[in-house]
Amino acid sequence: MSLALRPLFVTVTWGAGGTTSSKSLELAEICQRQLGLTTCLHLTCTNMSKRIVDDALEEAKALGIRNILALRGDPPRGEEYRIEGEAQEEDGDFVWAVDLVRYIRKEHGDCFCIGVAGYPEGHSDESHPVDQDPIKDMPFLAEKIAAGADFIMTQLFYDKDAYLRYERTVAEWDGGILKHVPIIPGLMPIQNYQILKRTSMLSHARLPQDILAKLEGVKGDDEEVKSVGVDIISDIVEGIKHVKNSKPRGFHFYTLNLEKAVGFVLERCQLIPPTTPGTNGHTSAFEDKRPPTINGVHPTSAPLKLTNGIPIRRPSSPHNHVNNDSDCSSSTTATSPLGPPSRATTLAISHGVGSLGREATWDDYPNGRFGDARSPAFGEIDGYGLSLHLSPAAARSKWGLPATRQGISSLFKRHVLGELDQLPWSEGGLNEETAVIRNELCRLIEERGWWSVASQPAVDGLPSSDPIFGWGPKGGFVFQKAFVEFFIPTPDWHNVLRSRLQDPAIAPQVSWYATNSSCTEFESSESREAVNA
């Protein structure tokens, strides 16, 4: 990728509560030191102790990483379940992203270039926000810049006009005090129709009607969706590029490690920088002999001022992987692989050409439908783990406050019947194929009190064009096993279901896995080496 696409920098995401800290830092080290790519490490701060933050920053410094995207991440757990009017228990050392920005500046000075999140359509914690408004975010954004942030990286969006309005809003807010702060628009290439719908829901990014219309006719064919998606993202990029701006344009692509579509967009929009002769396809993100830039803007030390007297920093120097800054105790020089392949070869690999290309872009094929659940193709959002994804007030409005087993069963049944579009375990409405097994699922809930959270009916060779079960390229066939995943009381498992599944008449036809709520017990019909599921 470093040779084929020549990114200015790459970002490495961070799991909720620091759950991926070791893997995130390991990947950041590979990018920074082995591949020679200027690396920006995402760092979320809520539901994490100060010790984890300190360890992450110290290790980043030791690795030569000088760029941090400071995010809040999940709402603090106390806030997630807090009911208005009730006392709130503080959770962790940080509550907001601004707390993390202040802390980094206090403890590490100008060692790190710090980015913060911006929301072109307004920030909201609720699944179905009704009051998103970028204007409401401006005081908080200004506070983060005043605390020491250097640049803004936006949440993903698909509404180009909304982004351009956001740029103007930031530049003009409060007499223009933020007009010098670089903004990097965030775009996520479209890989799959269902993942697009889920991602846009979780990120509160509006899908314009013209985009939905383009995708509607091909939504069952992932390859066609990707092709149309390249057209859509390319149109957005070109639309932003051609609007006059005092700062050179840059773009941040949320790739989810699926680089194929990104490569096509970069080529079409001519965003891949030319190779400088004698560099073997490598270049520094910033010139080392002059003050570095963000998006082409050379920072100054002159502070800005809010109208209320709070100082606003102009962007400090964003450090490249070659760092001679005396404020930082460590320095590293990235090394490039010896004897790299030609740029044409690496670009072909990035596009999935040949055996190496197929291996490099393997995640593009399953696309979240099957395969390793840890694959980014499943579309998990950075910094957000298991969460309600809506406010306590919205949760109470949607689900009430069930206090009995019957009350909870009623919620599950309403969801299966399509009367309730969301549960804590199911972020959206059920697919049309659920109608085939809806009666069986309702009986499972009503008669047994077993609450289903995922299921699918069996399909045996239906055409890929089938309006309900079809997916994939034209002329194909769909085969899928039936399955159901559900909560079951422990006595029912031990006294009823397990013996039924072990019956000689059933056992050869059914595979099963079972675990308890504390994950201290696990049983399965399959051996550890089995590939059947």
Protein backbone atom coordinates (compact mmCIF):
# COMPACT_ATOMS: atom_id res chain seq x y z
CA MET A 1 0.00 0.00 0.00
CA SER A 2 2.83 2.43 0.87
CA LEU A 3 4.23 2.11 -2.64
CA ALA A 4 0.96 1.84 -4.55
CA LEU A 5 -1.18 4.50 -2.89
CA ARG A 6 1.48 6.70 -1.22
CA PRO A 7 -0.64 7.96 1.70
CA LEU A 8 0.37 11.12 3.55
CA PHE A 9 -0.30 9.21 6.76
CA VAL A 10 -2.24 6.20 8.01
CA THR A 11 -4.43 5.89 11.08
CA VAL A 12 -4.70 2.95 13.45
CA THR A 13 -7.92 2.51 15.39
CA TRP A 14 -8.33 1.86 19.11
CA GLY A 15 -10.86 -0.50 20.71
CA ALA A 16 -13.35 0.57 23.35
CA GLY A 17 -11.84 0.80 26.81
CA GLY A 18 -8.38 -0.05 25.46
CA THR A 19 -9.43 -3.60 24.57
CA THR A 20 -7.18 -3.61 21.48
CA SER A 21 -4.32 -1.55 22.94
CA SER A 22 -1.56 -4.12 22.42
CA LYS A 23 -2.68 -5.00 18.89
CA SER A 24 -3.23 -1.36 17.95
CA LEU A 25 0.26 -0.43 19.11
CA GLU A 26 1.77 -3.45 17.39
CA LEU A 27 0.13 -2.49 14.09
CA ALA A 28 1.15 1.15 14.57
CA GLU A 29 4.75 0.05 15.05
CA ILE A 30 4.66 -1.97 11.82
CA CYS A 31 3.27 1.01 9.91
CA GLN A 32 5.64 3.54 11.42
CA ARG A 33 8.94 1.67 11.70
CA GLN A 34 8.79 -1.15 9.18
CA LEU A 35 6.73 0.37 6.37
CA GLY A 36 7.94 3.92 6.85
CA LEU A 37 4.42 5.37 6.95
CA THR A 38 3.70 8.39 9.11
CA THR A 39 1.21 6.97 11.61
CA CYS A 40 -1.63 8.59 13.54
CA LEU A 41 -2.79 6.51 16.50
CA HIS A 42 -6.44 6.81 17.53
CA LEU A 43 -6.83 6.97 21.29
CA THR A 44 -10.18 6.81 23.07
CA CYS A 45 -10.30 7.80 26.71
CA THR A 46 -13.62 6.90 28.37
CA ASN A 47 -13.95 3.64 30.28
CA MET A 48 -10.15 3.63 30.51
CA SER A 49 -7.86 4.36 33.44
CA LYS A 50 -5.17 7.03 33.30
CA ARG A 51 -2.60 4.24 33.51
CA ILE A 52 -3.71 2.77 30.16
CA VAL A 53 -3.57 6.21 28.55
CA ASP A 54 -0.12 6.86 30.02
CA ASP A 55 1.19 3.51 28.82
CA ALA A 56 -0.19 4.06 25.32
CA LEU A 57 1.34 7.52 25.02
CA GLU A 58 4.72 6.43 26.34
CA GLU A 59 4.83 3.47 23.98
CA ALA A 60 3.76 5.64 21.05
CA LYS A 61 6.56 8.05 21.88
CA ALA A 62 9.07 5.19 22.07
CA LEU A 63 7.94 3.95 18.66
CA GLY A 64 8.40 7.37 17.10
CA ILE A 65 4.67 7.97 16.67
CA ARG A 66 3.95 11.67 17.06
CA ASN A 67 0.33 11.91 15.91
CA ILE A 68 -2.69 11.16 18.11
CA LEU A 69 -6.38 11.38 17.23
CA ALA A 70 -7.96 12.07 20.61
CA LEU A 71 -11.48 10.67 20.83
CA ARG A 72 -14.00 10.14 23.57
CA GLY A 73 -15.09 6.68 22.42
CA ASP A 74 -18.00 4.97 24.14
CA PRO A 75 -20.02 7.05 26.58
CA PRO A 76 -18.81 6.34 30.12
CA ARG A 77 -20.69 3.32 31.42
CA GLY A 78 -22.16 5.31 34.27
CA GLU A 79 -23.54 7.81 31.76
CA GLU A 80 -24.84 5.08 29.46
CA TYR A 81 -27.16 3.69 32.09
CA ARG A 82 -27.77 6.88 34.05
CA ILE A 83 -31.35 8.03 34.27
CA GLU A 84 -31.97 11.76 34.33
CA GLY A 85 -32.39 13.04 37.86
CA GLU A 86 -30.42 10.17 39.42
CA ALA A 87 -26.95 10.57 40.92
CA GLN A 88 -24.12 9.85 38.51
CA GLU A 89 -21.14 7.73 39.46
CA GLU A 90 -17.92 8.85 37.76
CA ASP A 91 -16.25 6.18 35.63
CA GLY A 92 -12.54 6.56 34.92
CA ASP A 93 -10.30 9.61 34.73
CA PHE A 94 -11.69 11.08 31.49
CA VAL A 95 -15.20 12.03 30.48
CA TRP A 96 -14.77 14.01 27.26
CA ALA A 97 -12.20 14.13 24.46
CA VAL A 98 -11.16 17.61 25.64
CA ASP A 99 -10.00 16.01 28.90
CA LEU A 100 -7.65 13.77 26.92
CA VAL A 101 -6.36 16.69 24.81
CA ARG A 102 -5.58 18.74 27.93
CA TYR A 103 -3.90 15.78 29.57
CA ILE A 104 -1.64 15.04 26.58
CA ARG A 105 -0.56 18.68 26.35
CA LYS A 106 0.05 18.87 30.11
CA GLU A 107 2.11 15.69 30.28
CA HIS A 108 3.86 15.72 26.90
CA GLY A 109 3.97 19.33 25.75
CA ASP A 110 4.31 19.65 21.99
CA CYS A 111 5.66 16.14 21.50
CA PHE A 112 2.42 15.04 19.82
CA CYS A 113 0.35 16.55 17.04
CA ILE A 114 -3.24 16.09 18.24
CA GLY A 115 -6.34 15.70 16.11
CA VAL A 116 -9.95 15.76 17.29
CA ALA A 117 -13.24 14.67 15.77
CA GLY A 118 -15.59 16.92 13.84
CA TYR A 119 -19.19 16.15 12.88
CA PRO A 120 -20.38 17.67 9.58
CA GLU A 121 -23.99 16.78 10.39
CA GLY A 122 -23.78 17.39 14.13
CA HIS A 123 -22.88 15.09 16.98
CA SER A 124 -25.39 12.81 18.65
CA ASP A 125 -25.22 9.78 20.93
CA GLU A 126 -28.70 8.55 20.07
CA SER A 127 -29.63 5.93 17.49
CA HIS A 128 -32.30 8.14 15.94
CA PRO A 129 -31.18 11.72 16.63
CA VAL A 130 -33.61 14.51 15.95
CA ASP A 131 -31.55 17.51 17.01
CA GLN A 132 -28.16 17.06 15.32
CA ASP A 133 -26.79 20.51 14.57
CA PRO A 134 -23.14 21.40 13.84
CA ILE A 135 -23.72 24.87 15.30
CA LYS A 136 -24.33 23.29 18.71
CA ASP A 137 -20.97 21.53 18.46
CA MET A 138 -18.92 24.67 17.79
CA PRO A 139 -18.28 25.74 21.42
CA PHE A 140 -17.07 22.24 22.27
CA LEU A 141 -14.91 22.06 19.15
CA ALA A 142 -13.38 25.45 20.02
CA GLU A 143 -12.72 24.20 23.55
CA LYS A 144 -10.80 21.21 22.18
CA ILE A 145 -8.71 23.46 19.94
CA ALA A 146 -8.07 25.80 22.88
CA ALA A 147 -6.96 22.82 24.96
CA GLY A 148 -4.25 22.01 22.43
CA ALA A 149 -5.72 20.18 19.43
CA ASP A 150 -4.03 20.89 16.08
CA PHE A 151 -6.44 19.63 13.45
CA ILE A 152 -9.95 18.30 12.90
CA MET A 153 -10.73 14.95 11.32
CA THR A 154 -14.39 14.50 10.51
CA GLN A 155 -16.78 11.68 11.07
CA LEU A 156 -17.64 9.83 7.87
CA PHE A 157 -20.31 11.43 5.70
CA TYR A 158 -22.03 10.90 2.35
CA ASP A 159 -23.72 14.30 2.08
CA LYS A 160 -21.18 16.50 0.27
CA ASP A 161 -23.25 19.65 0.76
CA ALA A 162 -23.44 19.03 4.51
CA TYR A 163 -19.65 18.82 4.66
CA LEU A 164 -19.12 22.01 2.69
CA ARG A 165 -21.59 23.82 4.97
CA TYR A 166 -19.60 22.47 7.92
CA GLU A 167 -16.34 23.86 6.52
CA ARG A 168 -17.93 27.28 6.23
CA THR A 169 -19.45 27.03 9.70
CA VAL A 170 -16.08 26.24 11.29
CA ALA A 171 -14.30 28.99 9.34
CA GLU A 172 -16.87 31.65 10.16
CA TRP A 173 -17.72 30.73 13.74
CA ASP A 174 -17.17 33.41 16.36
CA GLY A 175 -15.43 35.85 14.06
CA GLY A 176 -13.28 33.24 12.32
CA ILE A 177 -11.20 32.10 15.30
CA LEU A 178 -11.05 28.55 13.88
CA LYS A 179 -10.46 29.43 10.23
CA HIS A 180 -6.79 28.42 10.34
CA VAL A 181 -7.45 24.98 11.83
CA PRO A 182 -7.03 22.28 9.16
CA ILE A 183 -10.07 20.06 8.54
CA ILE A 184 -9.61 16.61 7.02
CA PRO A 185 -12.88 15.19 5.63
CA GLY A 186 -13.55 11.54 6.43
CA LEU A 187 -14.97 9.22 3.77
CA MET A 188 -15.82 5.52 3.96
CA PRO A 189 -15.92 3.66 0.63
CA ILE A 190 -19.08 1.64 0.10
CA GLN A 191 -18.37 -2.09 0.33
CA ASN A 192 -21.74 -3.64 1.02
CA TYR A 193 -25.30 -2.32 1.16
CA GLN A 194 -26.18 -3.74 4.59
CA ILE A 195 -22.89 -2.59 6.13
CA LEU A 196 -23.49 0.86 4.63
CA LYS A 197 -26.94 1.06 6.25
CA ARG A 198 -25.60 -0.14 9.60
CA THR A 199 -22.58 2.15 9.55
CA SER A 200 -24.59 5.20 8.57
CA MET A 201 -27.06 4.46 11.37
CA LEU A 202 -24.35 4.12 14.03
CA SER A 203 -22.47 7.20 12.84
CA HIS A 204 -25.66 9.23 12.21
CA ALA A 205 -24.51 9.99 8.66
CA ARG A 206 -27.41 10.84 6.34
CA LEU A 207 -27.65 8.91 3.08
CA PRO A 208 -28.93 11.32 0.40
CA GLN A 209 -31.82 9.98 -1.66
CA ASP A 210 -29.87 10.07 -4.92
CA ILE A 211 -27.20 7.79 -3.42
CA LEU A 212 -29.80 5.33 -2.14
CA ALA A 213 -31.45 5.32 -5.58
CA LYS A 214 -28.14 4.42 -7.26
CA LEU A 215 -27.60 1.52 -4.85
CA GLU A 216 -31.14 0.17 -4.65
CA GLY A 217 -31.02 -1.74 -7.94
CA VAL A 218 -27.71 -3.49 -7.16
CA LYS A 219 -27.87 -3.88 -3.37
CA GLY A 220 -27.78 -7.69 -3.53
CA ASP A 221 -24.57 -7.83 -5.59
CA ASP A 222 -21.56 -6.77 -3.54
CA GLU A 223 -19.30 -6.28 -6.55
CA GLU A 224 -21.84 -4.00 -8.23
CA VAL A 225 -22.33 -2.14 -4.95
CA LYS A 226 -18.57 -1.56 -4.72
CA SER A 227 -18.44 -0.36 -8.32
CA VAL A 228 -21.30 2.09 -7.82
CA GLY A 229 -19.75 3.03 -4.48
CA VAL A 230 -16.51 4.04 -6.20
CA ASP A 231 -18.56 6.34 -8.45
CA ILE A 232 -20.34 7.84 -5.44
CA ILE A 233 -17.21 8.49 -3.35
CA SER A 234 -15.32 9.80 -6.39
CA ASP A 235 -18.12 12.28 -7.09
CA ILE A 236 -17.96 13.48 -3.46
CA VAL A 237 -14.17 13.89 -3.62
CA GLU A 238 -14.30 15.80 -6.89
CA GLY A 239 -17.11 17.99 -5.59
CA ILE A 240 -15.03 18.96 -2.56
CA LYS A 241 -11.79 19.39 -4.53
CA HIS A 242 -13.32 21.92 -6.88
CA VAL A 243 -14.66 24.24 -4.17
CA LYS A 244 -12.23 27.07 -3.53
CA ASN A 245 -10.57 26.94 -0.15
CA SER A 246 -7.67 28.75 1.48
CA LYS A 247 -6.13 25.43 2.47
CA PRO A 248 -5.03 22.58 0.17
CA ARG A 249 -7.37 19.61 0.28
CA GLY A 250 -6.66 16.29 1.95
CA PHE A 251 -8.92 13.28 2.53
CA HIS A 252 -9.08 10.60 5.19
CA PHE A 253 -10.50 7.27 4.04
CA TYR A 254 -12.02 4.88 6.57
CA THR A 255 -10.88 1.75 4.76
CA LEU A 256 -11.74 -0.94 7.37
CA ASN A 257 -8.59 -2.55 5.89
CA LEU A 258 -10.37 -2.99 2.54
CA GLU A 259 -8.02 -1.10 0.25
CA LYS A 260 -9.32 -2.19 -3.16
CA ALA A 261 -12.12 0.36 -3.48
CA VAL A 262 -9.91 3.07 -1.99
CA GLY A 263 -7.30 2.42 -4.66
CA PHE A 264 -9.84 2.88 -7.43
CA VAL A 265 -11.10 6.14 -5.90
CA LEU A 266 -7.57 7.53 -5.50
CA GLU A 267 -6.67 6.69 -9.09
CA ARG A 268 -9.86 8.10 -10.55
CA CYS A 269 -9.57 11.33 -8.57
CA GLN A 270 -5.82 11.63 -9.22
CA LEU A 271 -5.02 11.72 -5.50
CA ILE A 272 -1.93 9.49 -5.66
CA PRO A 273 1.14 11.76 -5.50
CA PRO A 274 3.74 11.36 -8.25
CA THR A 275 6.88 9.48 -7.37
CA THR A 276 9.95 11.67 -6.99
CA PRO A 277 12.91 10.31 -8.99
CA GLY A 278 15.45 8.59 -6.80
CA THR A 279 13.07 7.81 -3.94
CA ASN A 280 12.17 4.28 -5.04
CA GLY A 281 8.54 5.15 -4.54
CA HIS A 282 9.00 6.44 -0.99
CA THR A 283 8.51 9.95 0.30
CA SER A 284 8.23 11.71 3.63
CA ALA A 285 4.88 13.03 4.67
CA PHE A 286 6.49 16.38 5.42
CA GLU A 287 9.68 18.10 4.35
CA ASP A 288 12.32 17.80 7.07
CA LYS A 289 14.13 21.11 6.27
CA ARG A 290 11.21 23.42 6.79
CA PRO A 291 8.34 23.71 9.27
CA PRO A 292 6.00 20.75 8.68
CA THR A 293 2.46 21.24 7.48
CA ILE A 294 -0.99 19.79 7.97
CA ASN A 295 -2.93 19.74 4.74
CA GLY A 296 -0.39 22.16 3.33
CA VAL A 297 -0.83 24.78 6.08
CA HIS A 298 2.34 26.03 7.79
CA PRO A 299 1.53 26.64 11.47
CA THR A 300 2.63 29.65 13.45
CA SER A 301 3.05 30.14 17.16
CA ALA A 302 0.70 33.11 17.41
CA PRO A 303 -2.25 32.17 19.63
CA LEU A 304 -5.84 32.79 18.68
CA LYS A 305 -8.36 34.12 21.18
CA LEU A 306 -11.95 33.18 21.86
CA THR A 307 -14.30 36.06 22.55
CA ASN A 308 -14.54 34.81 26.13
CA GLY A 309 -10.76 35.09 26.52
CA ILE A 310 -9.85 31.42 26.16
CA PRO A 311 -6.64 31.12 24.12
CA ILE A 312 -6.82 29.06 20.92
CA ARG A 313 -3.56 27.51 19.72
CA ARG A 314 -2.67 27.59 16.10
CA PRO A 315 -1.66 24.11 14.94
CA SER A 316 1.63 22.93 16.42
CA SER A 317 4.10 21.03 14.31
CA PRO A 318 2.83 17.57 13.36
CA HIS A 319 5.85 15.34 13.63
CA ASN A 320 6.81 12.96 10.88
CA HIS A 321 8.46 9.61 11.58
CA VAL A 322 11.86 11.35 11.34
CA ASN A 323 11.79 13.40 14.52
CA ASN A 324 14.49 15.66 15.91
CA ASP A 325 12.26 17.51 18.35
CA SER A 326 14.06 18.16 21.63
CA ASP A 327 10.77 17.95 23.52
CA CYS A 328 10.64 14.20 22.89
CA SER A 329 13.10 11.90 24.58
CA SER A 330 13.10 9.25 21.86
CA SER A 331 13.66 9.38 18.15
CA THR A 332 13.33 6.74 15.49
CA THR A 333 13.99 6.54 11.81
CA ALA A 334 11.64 4.44 9.75
CA THR A 335 13.30 1.87 7.54
CA SER A 336 12.02 0.92 4.12
CA PRO A 337 11.97 -2.66 2.81
CA LEU A 338 14.92 -3.53 0.57
CA GLY A 339 14.29 -4.18 -3.09
CA PRO A 340 10.61 -3.15 -3.25
CA PRO A 341 8.52 -4.20 -6.27
CA SER A 342 7.67 -1.61 -8.88
CA ARG A 343 4.85 0.81 -8.21
CA ALA A 344 2.82 -0.64 -11.09
CA THR A 345 3.09 -4.09 -9.49
CA THR A 346 2.06 -2.89 -6.03
CA LEU A 347 -0.88 -0.95 -7.47
CA ALA A 348 -2.05 -4.08 -9.30
CA ILE A 349 -1.79 -6.06 -6.06
CA SER A 350 -3.79 -3.36 -4.25
CA HIS A 351 -6.49 -3.80 -6.91
CA GLY A 352 -6.61 -7.57 -6.31
CA VAL A 353 -4.83 -8.65 -9.49
CA GLY A 354 -3.06 -12.04 -9.51
CA SER A 355 -2.49 -14.49 -6.67
CA LEU A 356 -0.80 -11.90 -4.45
CA GLY A 357 -3.62 -9.48 -5.14
CA ARG A 358 -6.28 -12.04 -4.23
CA GLU A 359 -4.49 -12.78 -0.98
CA ALA A 360 -3.99 -9.10 -0.17
CA THR A 361 -7.65 -8.26 -0.81
CA TRP A 362 -9.18 -11.46 0.61
CA ASP A 363 -11.32 -9.54 3.08
CA ASP A 364 -13.05 -7.90 0.12
CA TYR A 365 -14.50 -11.27 -0.91
CA PRO A 366 -16.38 -12.49 2.19
CA ASN A 367 -17.28 -8.87 2.90
CA GLY A 368 -18.58 -9.62 6.35
CA ARG A 369 -21.01 -12.36 5.26
CA PHE A 370 -18.82 -15.16 6.56
CA GLY A 371 -15.24 -15.77 7.60
CA ASP A 372 -13.30 -14.41 10.57
CA ALA A 373 -15.57 -12.24 12.71
CA ARG A 374 -12.52 -10.15 13.66
CA SER A 375 -12.26 -8.96 10.08
CA PRO A 376 -12.86 -5.23 9.68
CA ALA A 377 -15.15 -6.16 6.80
CA PHE A 378 -17.84 -6.58 9.45
CA GLY A 379 -17.84 -2.81 9.78
CA GLU A 380 -17.19 -2.19 13.48
CA ILE A 381 -16.74 1.47 14.31
CA ASP A 382 -13.52 2.68 15.91
CA GLY A 383 -13.61 3.05 19.66
CA TYR A 384 -17.09 1.65 20.10
CA GLY A 385 -17.66 -1.74 21.65
CA LEU A 386 -20.77 -3.29 23.11
CA SER A 387 -23.08 -0.40 23.81
CA LEU A 388 -26.71 0.60 23.66
CA HIS A 389 -25.89 3.19 20.98
CA LEU A 390 -28.68 5.39 22.27
CA SER A 391 -29.27 7.53 25.33
CA PRO A 392 -30.92 6.19 28.50
CA ALA A 393 -33.94 8.43 27.87
CA ALA A 394 -34.33 7.06 24.33
CA ALA A 395 -33.89 3.49 25.62
CA ARG A 396 -36.63 3.94 28.22
CA SER A 397 -38.91 5.49 25.63
CA LYS A 398 -38.36 2.59 23.24
CA TRP A 399 -38.33 -0.39 25.64
CA GLY A 400 -39.91 0.87 28.83
CA LEU A 401 -38.57 -0.66 32.04
CA PRO A 402 -39.43 -4.39 31.97
CA ALA A 403 -39.01 -5.95 35.41
CA THR A 404 -40.26 -9.49 34.76
CA ARG A 405 -39.34 -12.36 32.48
CA GLN A 406 -42.68 -11.96 30.73
CA GLY A 407 -42.00 -8.28 30.10
CA ILE A 408 -38.66 -9.04 28.45
CA SER A 409 -40.22 -11.86 26.42
CA SER A 410 -42.75 -9.37 25.13
CA LEU A 411 -39.95 -7.12 23.79
CA PHE A 412 -38.31 -10.02 21.95
CA LYS A 413 -41.61 -11.10 20.46
CA ARG A 414 -42.43 -7.59 19.27
CA HIS A 415 -39.03 -7.41 17.62
CA VAL A 416 -39.55 -10.71 15.81
CA LEU A 417 -43.00 -9.54 14.67
CA GLY A 418 -41.50 -6.35 13.28
CA GLU A 419 -43.26 -4.08 15.78
CA LEU A 420 -39.98 -3.03 17.42
CA ASP A 421 -37.10 -2.02 15.19
CA GLN A 422 -34.29 -2.44 17.69
CA LEU A 423 -33.13 -4.33 20.77
CA PRO A 424 -29.86 -4.03 22.73
CA TRP A 425 -28.74 -7.20 20.92
CA SER A 426 -30.11 -6.26 17.51
CA GLU A 427 -29.27 -2.82 16.11
CA GLY A 428 -31.81 -2.81 13.28
CA GLY A 429 -34.99 -4.37 11.97
CA LEU A 430 -34.97 -8.00 10.89
CA ASN A 431 -34.42 -9.05 7.29
CA GLU A 432 -37.33 -10.17 5.13
CA GLU A 433 -36.15 -13.77 5.23
CA THR A 434 -37.07 -13.93 8.93
CA ALA A 435 -40.73 -14.17 7.88
CA VAL A 436 -40.09 -17.78 6.86
CA ILE A 437 -39.31 -18.79 10.47
CA ARG A 438 -41.21 -16.07 12.34
CA ASN A 439 -43.84 -18.43 13.78
CA GLU A 440 -41.17 -20.82 15.10
CA LEU A 441 -39.26 -17.97 16.73
CA CYS A 442 -42.42 -16.64 18.39
CA ARG A 443 -43.22 -20.09 19.77
CA LEU A 444 -39.68 -20.33 21.12
CA ILE A 445 -40.21 -17.07 22.99
CA GLU A 446 -43.82 -17.60 24.09
CA GLU A 447 -43.80 -21.29 25.02
CA ARG A 448 -40.25 -21.68 26.28
CA GLY A 449 -39.13 -18.19 27.29
CA TRP A 450 -36.02 -18.59 25.12
CA TRP A 451 -35.06 -15.25 23.61
CA SER A 452 -33.64 -15.33 20.08
CA VAL A 453 -30.98 -12.77 19.15
CA ALA A 454 -29.93 -14.06 15.70
CA SER A 455 -31.31 -16.57 13.22
CA GLN A 456 -31.67 -17.51 9.57
CA PRO A 457 -33.73 -20.07 7.65
CA ALA A 458 -32.19 -22.78 5.48
CA VAL A 459 -31.88 -22.06 1.75
CA ASP A 460 -31.11 -24.73 -0.81
CA GLY A 461 -30.02 -23.44 -4.19
CA LEU A 462 -32.20 -20.38 -4.74
CA PRO A 463 -30.98 -18.06 -7.52
CA SER A 464 -28.81 -15.14 -6.46
CA SER A 465 -31.44 -12.84 -7.98
CA ASP A 466 -34.12 -14.00 -5.52
CA PRO A 467 -35.74 -10.82 -4.09
CA ILE A 468 -35.59 -12.09 -0.49
CA PHE A 469 -32.72 -14.57 -0.18
CA GLY A 470 -30.59 -13.56 -3.15
CA TRP A 471 -27.19 -11.91 -2.96
CA GLY A 472 -24.01 -11.90 -5.03
CA PRO A 473 -23.38 -11.77 -8.78
CA LYS A 474 -26.07 -12.67 -11.31
CA GLY A 475 -26.35 -16.30 -12.31
CA GLY A 476 -25.29 -17.63 -8.92
CA PHE A 477 -27.07 -19.76 -6.33
CA VAL A 478 -27.57 -19.30 -2.60
CA PHE A 479 -27.08 -22.06 -0.04
CA GLN A 480 -27.25 -21.45 3.69
CA LYS A 481 -27.74 -23.50 6.84
CA ALA A 482 -30.48 -22.75 9.31
CA PHE A 483 -29.35 -21.49 12.69
CA VAL A 484 -30.71 -19.79 15.76
CA GLU A 485 -28.86 -18.07 18.60
CA PHE A 486 -30.75 -17.45 21.82
CA PHE A 487 -30.70 -16.93 25.58
CA ILE A 488 -31.89 -19.90 27.61
CA PRO A 489 -32.18 -20.36 31.40
CA THR A 490 -29.50 -22.68 32.82
CA PRO A 491 -31.99 -25.27 34.16
CA ASP A 492 -33.65 -25.47 30.74
CA TRP A 493 -30.28 -26.13 29.11
CA HIS A 494 -29.24 -28.85 31.54
CA ASN A 495 -32.65 -30.52 31.92
CA VAL A 496 -34.30 -30.03 28.53
CA LEU A 497 -32.30 -28.89 25.53
CA ARG A 498 -28.91 -30.58 25.92
CA SER A 499 -30.31 -34.07 26.15
CA ARG A 500 -32.57 -33.34 23.18
CA LEU A 501 -29.62 -32.22 21.04
CA GLN A 502 -27.64 -35.31 22.06
CA ASP A 503 -30.46 -37.65 20.95
CA PRO A 504 -29.02 -40.07 18.35
CA ALA A 505 -31.78 -39.15 15.91
CA ILE A 506 -30.86 -35.44 16.04
CA ALA A 507 -27.15 -35.26 16.88
CA PRO A 508 -25.83 -36.10 13.36
CA GLN A 509 -27.84 -33.23 11.86
CA VAL A 510 -27.24 -30.40 14.36
CA SER A 511 -24.12 -28.59 15.50
CA TRP A 512 -24.35 -26.55 18.69
CA TYR A 513 -22.34 -24.33 21.02
CA ALA A 514 -23.36 -23.27 24.53
CA THR A 515 -21.83 -21.04 27.18
CA ASN A 516 -23.05 -19.43 30.39
CA SER A 517 -23.34 -15.71 31.08
CA SER A 518 -19.99 -15.53 32.90
CA CYS A 519 -18.21 -17.56 30.16
CA THR A 520 -16.91 -20.01 32.76
CA GLU A 521 -18.57 -22.96 31.07
CA PHE A 522 -18.46 -23.89 27.40
CA GLU A 523 -19.81 -26.95 25.62
CA SER A 524 -20.05 -27.92 21.99
CA SER A 525 -20.97 -30.82 19.75
CA GLU A 526 -17.88 -30.03 17.66
CA SER A 527 -14.23 -30.72 18.32
CA ARG A 528 -11.73 -27.87 18.47
CA GLU A 529 -10.41 -28.84 15.03
CA ALA A 530 -13.83 -28.95 13.38
CA VAL A 531 -14.63 -26.49 10.60
CA ASN A 532 -18.35 -27.23 10.67
CA ALA A 533 -20.60 -24.72 12.39
